Structure formats: C-alpha cells, structure tokens
N, C-alpha and C. Protein backbone atom coordinates (compact mmCIF):
# COMPACT_ATOMS: atom_id res chain seq x y z
N MET A 1 -38.82 35.92 -11.69
CA MET A 1 -37.82 35.54 -10.27
C MET A 1 -37.36 33.94 -9.50
N ILE A 2 -36.18 34.69 -9.38
CA ILE A 2 -35.33 32.70 -8.92
C ILE A 2 -35.62 31.96 -8.20
N SER A 3 -36.74 30.65 -8.08
CA SER A 3 -36.74 30.00 -6.50
C SER A 3 -35.80 29.90 -6.15
N ARG A 4 -35.92 29.75 -5.22
CA ARG A 4 -34.77 28.87 -3.85
C ARG A 4 -34.72 27.31 -4.41
N ARG A 5 -35.21 26.67 -5.32
CA ARG A 5 -34.74 25.48 -5.80
C ARG A 5 -33.52 26.09 -6.75
N GLY A 6 -34.29 26.29 -7.79
CA GLY A 6 -33.47 27.29 -9.12
C GLY A 6 -31.45 27.14 -8.66
N PHE A 7 -31.83 28.65 -7.32
CA PHE A 7 -30.91 29.23 -6.83
C PHE A 7 -29.80 28.36 -6.32
N LEU A 8 -30.44 27.36 -5.66
CA LEU A 8 -29.14 26.20 -5.44
C LEU A 8 -28.16 25.18 -6.17
N GLN A 9 -29.56 25.27 -7.44
CA GLN A 9 -29.08 24.18 -8.56
C GLN A 9 -28.01 24.52 -9.05
N ASN A 10 -27.94 25.98 -9.52
CA ASN A 10 -27.23 26.52 -10.21
C ASN A 10 -26.09 27.20 -9.53
N ALA A 11 -25.22 27.26 -8.53
CA ALA A 11 -25.03 27.34 -7.42
C ALA A 11 -24.14 26.05 -7.12
N GLY A 12 -24.59 24.70 -7.16
CA GLY A 12 -23.63 23.97 -7.10
C GLY A 12 -23.38 23.43 -8.37
N LEU A 13 -24.12 23.94 -9.01
CA LEU A 13 -23.35 23.58 -10.45
C LEU A 13 -22.45 24.58 -11.28
N THR A 14 -22.35 25.67 -10.62
CA THR A 14 -21.21 26.67 -10.84
C THR A 14 -19.71 26.28 -9.64
N GLY A 15 -20.03 25.77 -8.34
CA GLY A 15 -18.83 24.99 -7.11
C GLY A 15 -18.69 23.80 -8.39
N PHE A 16 -18.99 22.79 -8.52
CA PHE A 16 -19.38 21.64 -9.65
C PHE A 16 -18.06 22.34 -10.98
N ALA A 17 -18.51 23.00 -11.69
CA ALA A 17 -17.44 23.52 -12.77
C ALA A 17 -16.37 24.29 -12.17
N MET A 18 -15.97 24.60 -11.99
CA MET A 18 -14.97 25.65 -10.57
C MET A 18 -14.05 24.06 -10.67
N THR A 19 -14.51 23.72 -10.44
CA THR A 19 -13.73 22.59 -8.94
C THR A 19 -13.50 21.83 -9.96
N VAL A 20 -13.86 21.29 -11.34
CA VAL A 20 -13.05 20.79 -11.97
C VAL A 20 -12.53 21.19 -13.64
N ALA A 21 -13.09 21.71 -13.56
CA ALA A 21 -11.94 22.53 -14.52
C ALA A 21 -10.85 22.75 -14.38
N PRO A 22 -10.36 22.69 -13.12
CA PRO A 22 -8.52 22.57 -13.79
C PRO A 22 -8.55 21.47 -14.13
N TRP A 23 -8.58 20.07 -13.50
CA TRP A 23 -8.60 19.35 -14.13
C TRP A 23 -9.02 18.80 -15.18
N LEU A 24 -9.86 19.10 -15.49
CA LEU A 24 -10.40 19.42 -17.63
C LEU A 24 -9.41 19.84 -18.26
N ALA A 25 -8.43 20.83 -17.59
CA ALA A 25 -7.45 21.35 -19.03
C ALA A 25 -6.40 20.70 -18.70
N HIS A 26 -6.51 19.47 -17.51
CA HIS A 26 -5.10 19.16 -17.44
C HIS A 26 -5.80 17.74 -17.97
N ALA A 27 -6.02 16.98 -18.58
CA ALA A 27 -6.53 15.95 -19.12
C ALA A 27 -6.60 15.10 -19.79
N GLU A 28 -6.17 13.70 -19.97
CA GLU A 28 -5.10 13.44 -20.54
C GLU A 28 -6.08 11.83 -21.34
N ILE A 29 -6.13 12.63 -23.01
CA ILE A 29 -6.21 11.69 -23.94
C ILE A 29 -5.49 10.28 -23.97
N GLY A 30 -6.17 8.79 -23.80
CA GLY A 30 -4.89 7.70 -23.94
C GLY A 30 -6.18 6.44 -24.42
N GLY A 31 -5.74 5.68 -24.63
CA GLY A 31 -6.91 4.26 -25.11
C GLY A 31 -6.28 3.84 -27.02
N SER A 32 -7.70 2.80 -27.15
CA SER A 32 -7.13 2.71 -28.64
C SER A 32 -7.81 3.31 -29.39
N ASP A 33 -8.42 3.43 -30.61
CA ASP A 33 -8.92 4.22 -31.65
C ASP A 33 -10.22 4.67 -31.65
N LYS A 34 -10.77 3.23 -31.03
CA LYS A 34 -12.46 2.49 -30.56
C LYS A 34 -12.80 3.45 -29.34
N VAL A 35 -12.12 3.83 -28.85
CA VAL A 35 -12.21 4.01 -27.54
C VAL A 35 -11.61 4.83 -26.65
N ALA A 36 -11.64 5.98 -26.54
CA ALA A 36 -10.83 7.26 -25.94
C ALA A 36 -11.19 7.26 -24.72
N LYS A 37 -9.93 7.08 -23.99
CA LYS A 37 -10.36 6.98 -22.21
C LYS A 37 -10.08 8.54 -22.21
N MET A 38 -10.32 9.09 -20.87
CA MET A 38 -9.59 9.72 -20.11
C MET A 38 -9.24 10.02 -18.61
N LYS A 39 -8.38 10.14 -18.57
CA LYS A 39 -8.04 10.17 -17.10
C LYS A 39 -6.96 11.24 -16.68
N PHE A 40 -7.91 12.14 -15.47
CA PHE A 40 -7.85 13.36 -14.95
C PHE A 40 -6.76 12.67 -13.58
N VAL A 41 -5.92 14.29 -14.26
CA VAL A 41 -4.80 14.73 -13.15
C VAL A 41 -4.61 16.51 -12.67
N PRO A 42 -4.24 16.61 -11.97
CA PRO A 42 -4.24 18.09 -11.38
C PRO A 42 -3.16 18.44 -11.87
N ALA A 43 -3.72 19.89 -11.69
CA ALA A 43 -3.13 21.24 -12.79
C ALA A 43 -2.03 20.64 -11.83
N ASP A 44 -1.22 21.06 -11.23
CA ASP A 44 0.03 20.67 -10.71
C ASP A 44 0.78 20.24 -10.31
N ALA A 45 0.19 18.54 -11.78
CA ALA A 45 0.87 17.58 -11.26
C ALA A 45 2.46 17.11 -11.78
N GLN A 46 2.78 16.23 -11.51
CA GLN A 46 4.20 15.88 -12.16
C GLN A 46 4.51 14.37 -12.39
N ARG A 47 5.52 14.76 -13.41
CA ARG A 47 6.00 12.98 -13.93
C ARG A 47 6.50 12.45 -13.28
N VAL A 48 6.48 11.15 -12.27
CA VAL A 48 7.25 10.31 -12.05
C VAL A 48 7.47 8.81 -12.47
N LYS A 49 8.34 8.19 -12.10
CA LYS A 49 8.25 6.91 -13.79
C LYS A 49 8.72 6.03 -11.97
N LEU A 50 7.98 4.79 -11.44
CA LEU A 50 7.67 4.48 -10.05
C LEU A 50 7.78 3.12 -10.76
N LYS A 51 9.00 2.40 -10.46
CA LYS A 51 9.00 0.69 -10.30
C LYS A 51 7.84 -0.21 -9.31
N VAL A 52 6.88 -0.79 -9.30
CA VAL A 52 6.29 -1.61 -8.57
C VAL A 52 6.47 -3.03 -8.92
N ASN A 53 6.92 -3.85 -8.52
CA ASN A 53 6.93 -5.32 -8.05
C ASN A 53 7.74 -5.93 -9.95
N GLY A 54 8.14 -4.52 -10.25
CA GLY A 54 8.81 -5.34 -11.32
C GLY A 54 8.35 -4.36 -12.56
N LYS A 55 7.70 -4.22 -12.67
CA LYS A 55 6.94 -3.16 -13.43
C LYS A 55 6.85 -2.03 -13.63
N VAL A 56 6.93 -0.59 -14.94
CA VAL A 56 7.48 0.10 -14.83
C VAL A 56 5.67 1.23 -15.31
N HIS A 57 5.66 1.98 -14.75
CA HIS A 57 4.65 2.77 -14.45
C HIS A 57 4.73 4.10 -14.84
N ASN A 58 4.37 5.41 -15.97
CA ASN A 58 4.95 6.63 -15.78
C ASN A 58 3.64 7.51 -16.07
N LEU A 59 3.93 7.55 -14.69
CA LEU A 59 2.14 8.46 -13.89
C LEU A 59 2.71 9.69 -13.15
N ALA A 60 1.32 10.89 -13.34
CA ALA A 60 0.59 12.40 -13.17
C ALA A 60 0.09 12.06 -11.71
N LEU A 61 1.44 12.74 -11.47
CA LEU A 61 0.51 12.69 -9.73
C LEU A 61 0.23 13.38 -8.35
N ASP A 62 -0.56 13.76 -7.88
CA ASP A 62 -0.50 15.34 -7.39
C ASP A 62 0.91 15.58 -6.30
N PRO A 63 1.64 15.70 -6.48
CA PRO A 63 3.53 15.74 -5.13
C PRO A 63 2.72 15.29 -4.46
N ARG A 64 1.68 15.84 -2.97
CA ARG A 64 1.00 15.31 -2.35
C ARG A 64 0.76 13.50 -1.97
N THR A 65 1.13 13.24 -2.77
CA THR A 65 0.29 11.88 -3.25
C THR A 65 1.06 10.92 -2.30
N THR A 66 0.47 10.31 -1.17
CA THR A 66 1.07 9.29 -0.92
C THR A 66 1.58 8.00 -1.43
N LEU A 67 2.62 7.46 -0.87
CA LEU A 67 2.94 6.20 -1.80
C LEU A 67 1.81 5.51 -1.79
N LEU A 68 1.46 4.74 -0.63
CA LEU A 68 -0.08 4.44 -0.37
C LEU A 68 -0.76 4.57 -1.14
N ASP A 69 -1.13 5.65 -1.41
CA ASP A 69 -2.71 6.20 -1.73
C ASP A 69 -2.73 6.30 -3.71
N CYS A 70 -1.14 6.62 -3.90
CA CYS A 70 -0.46 6.08 -5.37
C CYS A 70 -1.06 4.27 -6.08
N LEU A 71 0.23 3.68 -4.49
CA LEU A 71 -0.50 2.16 -5.21
C LEU A 71 -2.29 1.40 -4.55
N ARG A 72 -3.29 2.25 -3.76
CA ARG A 72 -3.85 1.70 -3.72
C ARG A 72 -4.87 2.42 -4.81
N GLU A 73 -4.67 3.84 -4.94
CA GLU A 73 -5.68 4.57 -5.96
C GLU A 73 -5.21 4.95 -7.28
N THR A 74 -4.38 4.58 -7.74
CA THR A 74 -4.18 4.85 -8.63
C THR A 74 -3.89 3.68 -9.94
N LEU A 75 -2.91 2.81 -8.40
CA LEU A 75 -2.50 1.06 -9.82
C LEU A 75 -3.38 0.36 -9.27
N SER A 76 -4.34 0.38 -8.44
CA SER A 76 -5.10 -0.31 -8.36
C SER A 76 -4.17 -1.45 -7.35
N LEU A 77 -3.33 -1.89 -6.36
CA LEU A 77 -3.00 -2.28 -5.84
C LEU A 77 -3.72 -2.55 -4.54
N THR A 78 -4.62 -2.79 -3.86
CA THR A 78 -5.27 -2.78 -3.04
C THR A 78 -4.31 -3.65 -1.89
N GLY A 79 -3.80 -4.95 -2.75
CA GLY A 79 -3.09 -5.45 -1.14
C GLY A 79 -2.39 -4.60 -0.03
N THR A 80 -1.61 -3.70 -0.52
CA THR A 80 -1.27 -3.16 0.71
C THR A 80 -2.38 -2.23 1.46
N LYS A 81 -2.91 -2.29 2.63
CA LYS A 81 -3.85 -1.91 3.42
C LYS A 81 -3.30 -0.04 4.15
N LYS A 82 -4.59 0.54 3.97
CA LYS A 82 -5.09 1.90 5.43
C LYS A 82 -5.23 1.79 6.35
N GLY A 83 -4.18 1.67 7.22
CA GLY A 83 -5.07 1.34 7.91
C GLY A 83 -4.70 3.06 9.95
N CYS A 84 -4.35 2.97 10.06
CA CYS A 84 -4.13 4.45 10.81
C CYS A 84 -4.12 5.76 10.03
N ASP A 85 -3.36 5.42 8.76
CA ASP A 85 -2.40 6.39 8.04
C ASP A 85 -1.20 7.68 8.83
N HIS A 86 -1.10 7.19 9.61
CA HIS A 86 0.39 7.83 10.65
C HIS A 86 1.26 7.20 11.12
N GLY A 87 1.53 6.40 9.89
CA GLY A 87 2.41 5.63 10.41
C GLY A 87 2.67 4.88 11.73
N GLN A 88 1.53 4.34 12.67
CA GLN A 88 1.23 3.37 13.58
C GLN A 88 1.34 2.45 13.66
N CYS A 89 0.02 0.97 12.44
CA CYS A 89 0.19 0.71 12.91
C CYS A 89 0.48 -0.74 11.54
N GLY A 90 1.30 -0.49 10.54
CA GLY A 90 2.26 -1.23 9.56
C GLY A 90 1.11 -1.69 8.82
N ALA A 91 -0.03 -1.59 8.52
CA ALA A 91 -0.53 -1.91 7.78
C ALA A 91 -0.53 -1.76 5.99
N CYS A 92 0.60 -1.04 6.87
CA CYS A 92 0.26 -0.01 4.89
C CYS A 92 2.59 -0.23 4.70
N THR A 93 2.99 -1.61 4.98
CA THR A 93 4.33 -1.96 5.02
C THR A 93 4.33 -2.18 3.39
N VAL A 94 5.57 -1.84 3.24
CA VAL A 94 5.77 -2.32 1.24
C VAL A 94 7.23 -2.60 1.80
N HIS A 95 8.25 -3.19 1.03
CA HIS A 95 9.39 -2.81 0.36
C HIS A 95 9.96 -1.46 -0.56
N VAL A 96 10.89 -0.79 -0.12
CA VAL A 96 11.21 0.44 -1.00
C VAL A 96 13.22 -0.68 -1.39
N ASN A 97 13.58 -0.97 -2.08
CA ASN A 97 15.27 -1.12 -2.05
C ASN A 97 15.25 -1.89 -1.17
N GLY A 98 14.69 -2.92 -1.00
CA GLY A 98 14.44 -4.75 0.14
C GLY A 98 14.28 -3.68 1.90
N LYS A 99 13.67 -2.81 1.92
CA LYS A 99 13.93 -2.11 3.37
C LYS A 99 12.30 -1.62 3.60
N ARG A 100 11.75 -2.40 4.58
CA ARG A 100 10.56 -1.96 5.11
C ARG A 100 10.48 -0.55 5.89
N VAL A 101 8.76 0.15 4.29
CA VAL A 101 8.66 1.72 4.65
C VAL A 101 7.39 1.25 5.16
N ASN A 102 6.95 2.16 6.05
CA ASN A 102 5.86 2.82 6.13
C ASN A 102 5.00 3.02 4.82
N ALA A 103 4.16 2.48 4.01
CA ALA A 103 3.48 3.67 2.72
C ALA A 103 3.37 4.69 2.98
N CYS A 104 1.60 4.85 3.83
CA CYS A 104 1.84 6.42 4.24
C CYS A 104 2.03 6.95 5.12
N LEU A 105 4.39 7.53 4.66
CA LEU A 105 4.28 8.41 5.65
C LEU A 105 4.95 9.25 4.48
N SER A 106 5.17 8.41 3.13
CA SER A 106 6.03 8.81 2.12
C SER A 106 5.10 9.31 0.89
N PHE A 107 5.64 10.38 0.13
CA PHE A 107 4.63 10.45 -0.66
C PHE A 107 5.69 9.99 -2.15
N ALA A 108 4.87 9.85 -2.71
CA ALA A 108 5.24 9.00 -4.27
C ALA A 108 6.71 9.81 -5.44
N LEU A 109 6.38 10.33 -4.95
CA LEU A 109 6.92 11.73 -5.66
C LEU A 109 8.86 11.22 -5.25
N MET A 110 9.01 10.57 -4.43
CA MET A 110 10.78 10.85 -3.76
C MET A 110 10.44 8.98 -4.03
N HIS A 111 9.74 8.53 -4.99
CA HIS A 111 10.46 7.29 -5.61
C HIS A 111 10.92 6.62 -6.53
N GLU A 112 10.85 7.74 -7.71
CA GLU A 112 11.54 7.28 -8.97
C GLU A 112 13.27 6.21 -8.78
N GLY A 113 12.47 5.85 -9.50
CA GLY A 113 13.82 4.67 -9.65
C GLY A 113 15.06 3.92 -8.62
N ASP A 114 13.20 3.62 -7.52
CA ASP A 114 13.60 2.64 -6.66
C ASP A 114 13.08 1.35 -6.63
N GLU A 115 12.88 0.26 -6.22
CA GLU A 115 12.01 -0.56 -6.67
C GLU A 115 11.14 -1.20 -5.12
N ILE A 116 10.00 -0.41 -5.40
CA ILE A 116 8.88 -0.97 -5.00
C ILE A 116 8.26 -2.06 -4.64
N THR A 117 8.46 -3.16 -4.06
CA THR A 117 7.11 -4.67 -3.48
C THR A 117 6.36 -3.92 -2.62
N THR A 118 5.62 -4.97 -3.86
CA THR A 118 3.94 -4.17 -2.31
C THR A 118 3.65 -5.94 -2.34
N ILE A 119 2.82 -6.65 -2.01
CA ILE A 119 2.25 -8.40 -0.62
C ILE A 119 1.84 -8.64 -1.90
N GLU A 120 1.31 -8.33 -3.13
CA GLU A 120 1.40 -8.62 -4.76
C GLU A 120 2.57 -8.72 -5.91
N GLY A 121 4.21 -8.44 -4.40
CA GLY A 121 4.64 -9.39 -5.95
C GLY A 121 5.18 -10.65 -4.57
N ILE A 122 4.84 -10.40 -3.44
CA ILE A 122 5.23 -11.62 -2.71
C ILE A 122 5.51 -12.46 -3.05
N GLY A 123 4.34 -13.06 -3.64
CA GLY A 123 3.59 -14.03 -3.79
C GLY A 123 2.33 -14.24 -4.52
N GLN A 124 1.89 -15.45 -5.36
CA GLN A 124 0.78 -15.33 -5.66
C GLN A 124 -0.40 -16.53 -5.14
N PRO A 125 -1.16 -17.05 -5.26
CA PRO A 125 -2.22 -17.93 -4.57
C PRO A 125 -1.51 -19.23 -5.41
N ASP A 126 -1.23 -19.37 -6.79
CA ASP A 126 -0.29 -20.77 -7.12
C ASP A 126 1.16 -20.59 -6.71
N LYS A 127 1.60 -20.05 -6.45
CA LYS A 127 3.08 -20.01 -6.06
C LYS A 127 3.39 -18.88 -4.76
N LEU A 128 2.89 -18.91 -3.64
CA LEU A 128 3.12 -18.62 -2.50
C LEU A 128 4.79 -18.70 -1.97
N HIS A 129 4.80 -17.30 -1.17
CA HIS A 129 6.37 -17.40 -0.87
C HIS A 129 6.17 -18.05 0.33
N PRO A 130 7.41 -18.32 1.39
CA PRO A 130 7.43 -19.45 2.45
C PRO A 130 7.03 -18.51 3.53
N MET A 131 6.86 -17.59 3.85
CA MET A 131 5.96 -16.77 4.67
C MET A 131 4.73 -16.49 4.64
N GLN A 132 4.33 -16.44 3.47
CA GLN A 132 2.90 -16.54 3.14
C GLN A 132 2.32 -17.85 3.36
N LYS A 133 2.90 -18.85 3.28
CA LYS A 133 2.60 -20.62 3.92
C LYS A 133 2.67 -20.56 5.33
N ALA A 134 3.30 -19.81 5.80
CA ALA A 134 3.22 -20.22 7.05
C ALA A 134 3.11 -19.80 7.88
N PHE A 135 2.32 -18.83 6.95
CA PHE A 135 0.51 -17.64 7.97
C PHE A 135 0.20 -18.94 7.90
N VAL A 136 -0.33 -19.21 7.09
CA VAL A 136 -1.77 -20.02 6.76
C VAL A 136 -1.63 -21.17 7.36
N GLU A 137 -0.36 -21.56 7.13
CA GLU A 137 -0.14 -22.80 7.96
C GLU A 137 0.01 -22.73 10.09
N PHE A 138 0.11 -21.61 10.22
CA PHE A 138 0.08 -21.47 11.89
C PHE A 138 -1.47 -20.64 11.66
N ASP A 139 -1.65 -20.07 10.88
CA ASP A 139 -2.93 -19.37 11.00
C ASP A 139 -3.33 -18.19 11.95
N GLY A 140 -1.69 -17.71 11.05
CA GLY A 140 -1.56 -16.26 11.27
C GLY A 140 -2.07 -15.36 11.78
N TYR A 141 -3.44 -14.81 11.42
CA TYR A 141 -3.88 -13.95 10.96
C TYR A 141 -5.31 -14.13 11.36
N GLN A 142 -6.15 -13.04 11.60
CA GLN A 142 -7.70 -13.75 11.81
C GLN A 142 -8.77 -13.25 11.36
N CYS A 143 -9.55 -11.12 11.74
CA CYS A 143 -9.68 -10.63 10.41
C CYS A 143 -8.92 -10.51 9.16
N GLY A 144 -7.76 -10.94 8.79
CA GLY A 144 -6.94 -10.68 7.51
C GLY A 144 -6.39 -9.23 7.31
N TYR A 145 -6.74 -8.11 8.11
CA TYR A 145 -6.51 -6.93 7.94
C TYR A 145 -5.15 -6.10 8.06
N CYS A 146 -4.84 -6.53 8.88
CA CYS A 146 -2.97 -6.19 9.20
C CYS A 146 -2.34 -7.41 8.48
N THR A 147 -2.61 -8.83 7.68
CA THR A 147 -1.45 -9.21 7.85
C THR A 147 -0.97 -9.08 6.47
N PRO A 148 -1.15 -8.57 6.08
CA PRO A 148 -0.10 -7.67 4.19
C PRO A 148 1.35 -7.48 4.91
N GLY A 149 0.64 -6.24 6.16
CA GLY A 149 2.02 -4.92 6.30
C GLY A 149 2.55 -6.30 7.34
N GLN A 150 1.98 -7.28 7.91
CA GLN A 150 2.43 -8.59 8.63
C GLN A 150 3.19 -9.45 8.01
N ILE A 151 2.80 -9.64 7.21
CA ILE A 151 4.20 -10.37 5.82
C ILE A 151 5.26 -9.71 5.43
N MET A 152 5.02 -8.88 5.64
CA MET A 152 5.71 -7.49 4.35
C MET A 152 7.28 -7.19 5.29
N SER A 153 7.12 -6.77 6.56
CA SER A 153 7.64 -6.85 7.22
C SER A 153 8.27 -7.84 8.12
N ALA A 154 7.82 -9.86 8.40
CA ALA A 154 8.00 -10.59 8.22
C ALA A 154 8.94 -11.33 7.27
N VAL A 155 8.67 -11.29 6.13
CA VAL A 155 9.90 -11.13 5.07
C VAL A 155 11.47 -10.25 5.35
N ALA A 156 10.97 -9.07 5.52
CA ALA A 156 11.77 -8.31 4.97
C ALA A 156 13.18 -8.32 6.54
N LEU A 157 12.09 -8.68 6.89
CA LEU A 157 12.86 -9.51 8.72
C LEU A 157 13.55 -10.48 8.56
N LEU A 158 13.87 -11.32 7.25
CA LEU A 158 14.46 -12.26 7.34
C LEU A 158 15.63 -11.87 6.46
N LYS A 159 16.29 -10.56 6.66
CA LYS A 159 17.53 -10.24 6.25
C LYS A 159 18.07 -9.20 6.55
N GLU A 160 17.70 -9.60 7.98
CA GLU A 160 17.91 -7.95 8.90
C GLU A 160 18.31 -9.14 9.97
N PRO A 161 19.40 -8.03 10.87
CA PRO A 161 20.18 -8.51 11.79
C PRO A 161 19.43 -8.74 12.97
N VAL A 162 18.55 -10.05 13.35
CA VAL A 162 17.54 -9.95 14.13
C VAL A 162 17.59 -10.75 15.03
N GLY A 163 18.08 -11.34 16.25
CA GLY A 163 18.03 -12.23 17.17
C GLY A 163 17.24 -13.74 16.97
N ASN A 164 18.15 -14.81 17.51
CA ASN A 164 16.87 -15.96 17.00
C ASN A 164 15.93 -16.00 18.06
N ALA A 165 16.02 -15.41 19.01
CA ALA A 165 15.00 -15.47 19.95
C ALA A 165 13.84 -14.87 19.99
N ASP A 166 12.21 -15.30 20.19
CA ASP A 166 11.26 -14.67 20.23
C ASP A 166 11.11 -13.49 20.48
N ALA A 167 11.83 -13.28 21.95
CA ALA A 167 11.33 -11.65 22.26
C ALA A 167 12.61 -10.50 20.89
N ASP A 168 13.02 -11.36 20.30
CA ASP A 168 14.36 -10.38 19.03
C ASP A 168 13.34 -10.35 17.97
N VAL A 169 12.53 -10.94 17.82
CA VAL A 169 11.52 -11.36 16.68
C VAL A 169 10.25 -9.95 17.05
N LYS A 170 9.50 -10.27 18.55
CA LYS A 170 9.11 -9.99 19.25
C LYS A 170 9.03 -7.99 19.07
N GLU A 171 10.20 -7.95 19.18
CA GLU A 171 10.87 -6.65 19.41
C GLU A 171 10.53 -6.02 17.57
N ALA A 172 11.09 -6.59 16.18
CA ALA A 172 11.56 -6.49 15.55
C ALA A 172 10.62 -6.19 14.29
N MET A 173 9.07 -7.33 15.24
CA MET A 173 7.98 -6.42 14.77
C MET A 173 7.29 -5.73 15.35
N SER A 174 7.32 -4.99 16.28
CA SER A 174 6.78 -3.82 17.24
C SER A 174 6.23 -2.99 16.31
N GLY A 175 6.19 -2.56 15.36
CA GLY A 175 5.73 -1.95 13.97
C GLY A 175 4.69 -2.41 13.66
N ASN A 176 3.73 -3.30 13.93
CA ASN A 176 3.17 -4.27 13.54
C ASN A 176 1.82 -4.59 14.40
N ILE A 177 0.68 -3.17 14.41
CA ILE A 177 0.18 -3.55 15.06
C ILE A 177 -1.29 -5.49 14.65
N CYS A 178 -2.01 -6.04 15.17
CA CYS A 178 -2.87 -6.93 15.35
C CYS A 178 -3.69 -6.79 16.28
N ARG A 179 -5.14 -6.12 15.71
CA ARG A 179 -6.08 -5.73 16.17
C ARG A 179 -6.45 -6.81 16.96
N CYS A 180 -6.75 -8.45 16.28
CA CYS A 180 -7.11 -9.38 16.36
C CYS A 180 -6.53 -9.75 17.96
N GLY A 181 -5.00 -9.71 18.13
CA GLY A 181 -4.24 -10.28 18.29
C GLY A 181 -3.74 -11.92 18.17
N ALA A 182 -3.27 -11.90 17.58
CA ALA A 182 -2.86 -13.43 16.97
C ALA A 182 -1.71 -12.89 16.57
N TYR A 183 -1.09 -12.79 17.89
CA TYR A 183 0.75 -12.09 17.74
C TYR A 183 1.85 -13.40 17.30
N ARG A 184 0.77 -14.01 18.50
CA ARG A 184 1.65 -15.48 18.92
C ARG A 184 1.63 -16.59 17.60
N ASN A 185 0.62 -17.10 17.06
CA ASN A 185 0.64 -17.40 15.60
C ASN A 185 1.15 -16.72 15.12
N ILE A 186 1.44 -15.34 15.05
CA ILE A 186 1.99 -14.48 13.73
C ILE A 186 4.11 -15.03 14.21
N LEU A 187 4.25 -14.94 15.63
CA LEU A 187 5.97 -15.67 15.46
C LEU A 187 5.71 -16.46 15.48
N CYS A 188 4.98 -17.67 15.19
CA CYS A 188 5.83 -18.98 15.33
C CYS A 188 5.36 -19.69 13.25
N ALA A 189 4.89 -18.77 12.25
CA ALA A 189 5.36 -18.56 11.34
C ALA A 189 6.43 -18.36 10.78
N ILE A 190 6.29 -17.15 11.23
CA ILE A 190 8.13 -16.67 11.52
C ILE A 190 8.72 -17.31 12.02
N GLN A 191 8.90 -17.37 12.95
CA GLN A 191 10.54 -18.18 13.73
C GLN A 191 10.45 -19.69 12.42
N SER A 192 9.17 -20.17 12.15
CA SER A 192 9.64 -21.32 11.48
C SER A 192 10.10 -21.79 10.06
N VAL A 193 9.62 -20.48 9.34
CA VAL A 193 10.28 -19.85 8.52
C VAL A 193 12.29 -19.32 8.75
N ARG A 194 12.38 -19.30 9.90
CA ARG A 194 13.44 -19.31 9.92
C ARG A 194 14.27 -19.85 10.89
N GLY A 195 13.63 -21.45 10.87
CA GLY A 195 14.41 -21.89 11.54
C GLY A 195 14.38 -22.01 12.88
N ASN A 196 14.06 -21.54 13.83
CA ASN A 196 13.73 -20.97 14.71
C ASN A 196 12.49 -21.68 16.01
N PRO A 197 11.52 -23.10 16.01
CA PRO A 197 10.32 -23.01 16.65
C PRO A 197 9.90 -22.38 18.14
N VAL A 198 8.97 -21.72 17.86
CA VAL A 198 8.54 -20.81 19.56
C VAL A 198 8.66 -21.96 20.30
N LYS A 199 9.09 -21.98 21.75
CA LYS A 199 8.71 -23.42 22.19
C LYS A 199 7.40 -22.91 22.83
N GLU A 200 7.26 -23.76 23.31
CA GLU A 200 5.81 -23.66 23.75
C GLU A 200 5.73 -22.61 25.09
N ALA A 201 5.08 -21.81 25.64
CA ALA A 201 4.74 -21.18 26.91
C ALA A 201 4.27 -21.87 27.78
C-alpha cells in the first residue's frame, strides 16, 4: 500500500517530467570540447538574430518573449529595468533604430535587423555619455531604479524636435516616472546637456 508521502512524491516527479520533457527534446548542446553546456529552449522556439549594442546574437526564443525579458533574462543586460511591465513607467526604455521604445511592450522577434541600444551601450563607467555625467552632476536620481530608462529617454530626446522651454522637456519626458520625485534634478541634467540651464523657481 502506497503512503500519502510516496503518492505526493511520485505525483511531483511525474509533473516535473511532463513539464521538462518538451524542453529537453529541444535542448541545444554547445560549449568547449571539455565541458558541454546545455541550453534549454521551448519546443516552439523560433530563431532570431538580434543586434544589441553593436553585437549580433543568434537566439532561439519563445515567440511570446518580450524584448525586455530577452535583454534581461537571455542576454543578461540587466541595466534595462522591469517596472510596471505595462508600458506606463518608462523604466524599460531602450533605443530601437535610434528611437525610444518601451521594451516591455515589444516582442523580441519583431526586432530582427534592428539596431537595439540599451543603457550598457550608451556609456561605461570609464567613458560616460554626457547625459550620464549630467545625471551624476545634478544628482538626477535617488533610488536609481528608474535612472536607466530616464537616461535612455533623455538621450533620445536630444535628437527629437523638442522645444527649449522646461515645460517642453517635462512633456517629452512624461512617459518616464520617478517614484522618488527627482524630477527637477532630472530636468536640470537634461537642460544642461541641451545648453538651456533651468531657471531658478
């Protein structure tokens, strides 16, 4: 007679096997001659070639994978943040062909052939983009979670037809939310790069 514990253990193992089997069937083997690395891909994975920060990646992705999850989970580019996951906060802002895009609202498979740039591609600690330097100088962050998205939008804004007034910049940046409320410092950083110092309130 099977015990309750034994039944639950067997049921758990069966469920695990049924879940993993489709992935195992489509596992890819790669790596060096000494060590074989197994990378699991879903049964309905589709091939896509993405160019991110100037580097081409050949990937096999679940068709439902968002650009955000691909960047963070597959390519380990975690500078792009997941905030609301509904396109409302701007924390996941990246550039696609030079234009800002909410990565959480876009499927990765849609971007084959596109030039994708993340915060990691804007600048590095030893070679910051002018906008990054301005954010540091004007203390345009507090917790820092929204900062990558804020900077990506601000850099894109430099090439957009945005007026010189502070109100114009505020409107153009309205898709990026700072829950800490560092809006004035962010505005000062952006306007300093644009050559339009913010007037004292």
